[in-house]
Amino acid sequence: MGKSKGARMTVTLECQCTNISNINKRKNGIFRYTSSKNRRNTPNRLELKKFCRQCNCHSIFKEIK
């Protein structure tokens, strides 16, 4: 028998500045972080403010599926 998955899961966070056209973009593409969350404590999608190397500023990263 295998172990149960538990409450923690790995999520992918994507920068929301890619939807807005910025003049200061360094390169084309999408910048993403990976993180983990407890699905029992936070059932909603996760939003964190992190540094985006693409737009060279702190912006909101939202959880994607």
Protein backbone atom coordinates (compact mmCIF):
# COMPACT_ATOMS: atom_id res chain seq x y z
CA MET A 1 0.00 0.00 0.00
CA GLY A 2 1.23 3.51 -0.82
CA LYS A 3 1.28 6.49 1.47
CA SER A 4 -1.53 9.00 1.40
CA LYS A 5 -0.78 12.31 -0.29
CA GLY A 6 -1.46 14.31 2.84
CA ALA A 7 -2.59 17.90 3.08
CA ARG A 8 0.41 19.59 1.42
CA MET A 9 0.56 20.04 -2.32
CA THR A 10 2.93 21.74 -4.77
CA VAL A 11 1.50 24.72 -6.65
CA THR A 12 2.83 26.81 -9.53
CA LEU A 13 2.70 30.60 -9.24
CA GLU A 14 2.65 32.71 -12.41
CA CYS A 15 3.41 36.43 -12.69
CA GLN A 16 0.46 38.63 -13.61
CA CYS A 17 2.66 41.27 -15.26
CA THR A 18 2.85 39.09 -18.40
CA ASN A 19 -0.73 40.09 -19.21
CA ILE A 20 0.21 43.79 -19.14
CA SER A 21 2.52 45.11 -21.84
CA ASN A 22 5.55 46.66 -20.11
CA ILE A 23 8.27 48.64 -21.82
CA ASN A 24 10.92 47.48 -19.33
CA LYS A 25 10.68 43.77 -20.15
CA ARG A 26 14.03 42.03 -20.23
CA LYS A 27 13.01 39.01 -22.29
CA ASN A 28 9.95 37.30 -23.73
CA GLY A 29 8.25 34.46 -21.89
CA ILE A 30 6.47 33.72 -18.63
CA PHE A 31 8.17 33.73 -15.24
CA ARG A 32 6.97 31.20 -12.64
CA TYR A 33 7.70 30.13 -9.07
CA THR A 34 6.83 26.86 -7.35
CA SER A 35 5.66 26.69 -3.76
CA SER A 36 3.66 24.44 -1.48
CA LYS A 37 0.45 25.02 0.41
CA ASN A 38 -1.79 23.19 2.82
CA ARG A 39 -5.00 22.46 0.95
CA ARG A 40 -7.05 22.16 4.17
CA ASN A 41 -6.05 25.62 5.48
CA THR A 42 -6.06 27.46 2.14
CA PRO A 43 -8.59 25.94 -0.26
CA ASN A 44 -8.65 29.13 -2.38
CA ARG A 45 -6.04 30.00 -4.97
CA LEU A 46 -2.83 31.39 -3.55
CA GLU A 47 -1.64 34.96 -4.29
CA LEU A 48 1.83 36.13 -3.23
CA LYS A 49 3.82 39.26 -3.95
CA LYS A 50 7.25 38.19 -5.25
CA PHE A 51 10.06 39.57 -7.38
CA CYS A 52 9.65 39.09 -11.14
CA ARG A 53 12.92 39.01 -13.06
CA GLN A 54 11.07 39.65 -16.29
CA CYS A 55 9.62 43.06 -15.38
CA ASN A 56 12.31 43.77 -12.74
CA CYS A 57 9.87 44.65 -9.94
CA HIS A 58 7.74 43.06 -7.23
CA SER A 59 4.37 41.95 -8.56
CA ILE A 60 1.51 39.63 -7.70
CA PHE A 61 1.94 35.96 -8.53
CA LYS A 62 -1.25 33.88 -8.73
CA GLU A 63 -1.66 30.12 -8.52
CA ILE A 64 -2.35 28.35 -11.80
CA LYS A 65 -3.57 24.81 -12.43
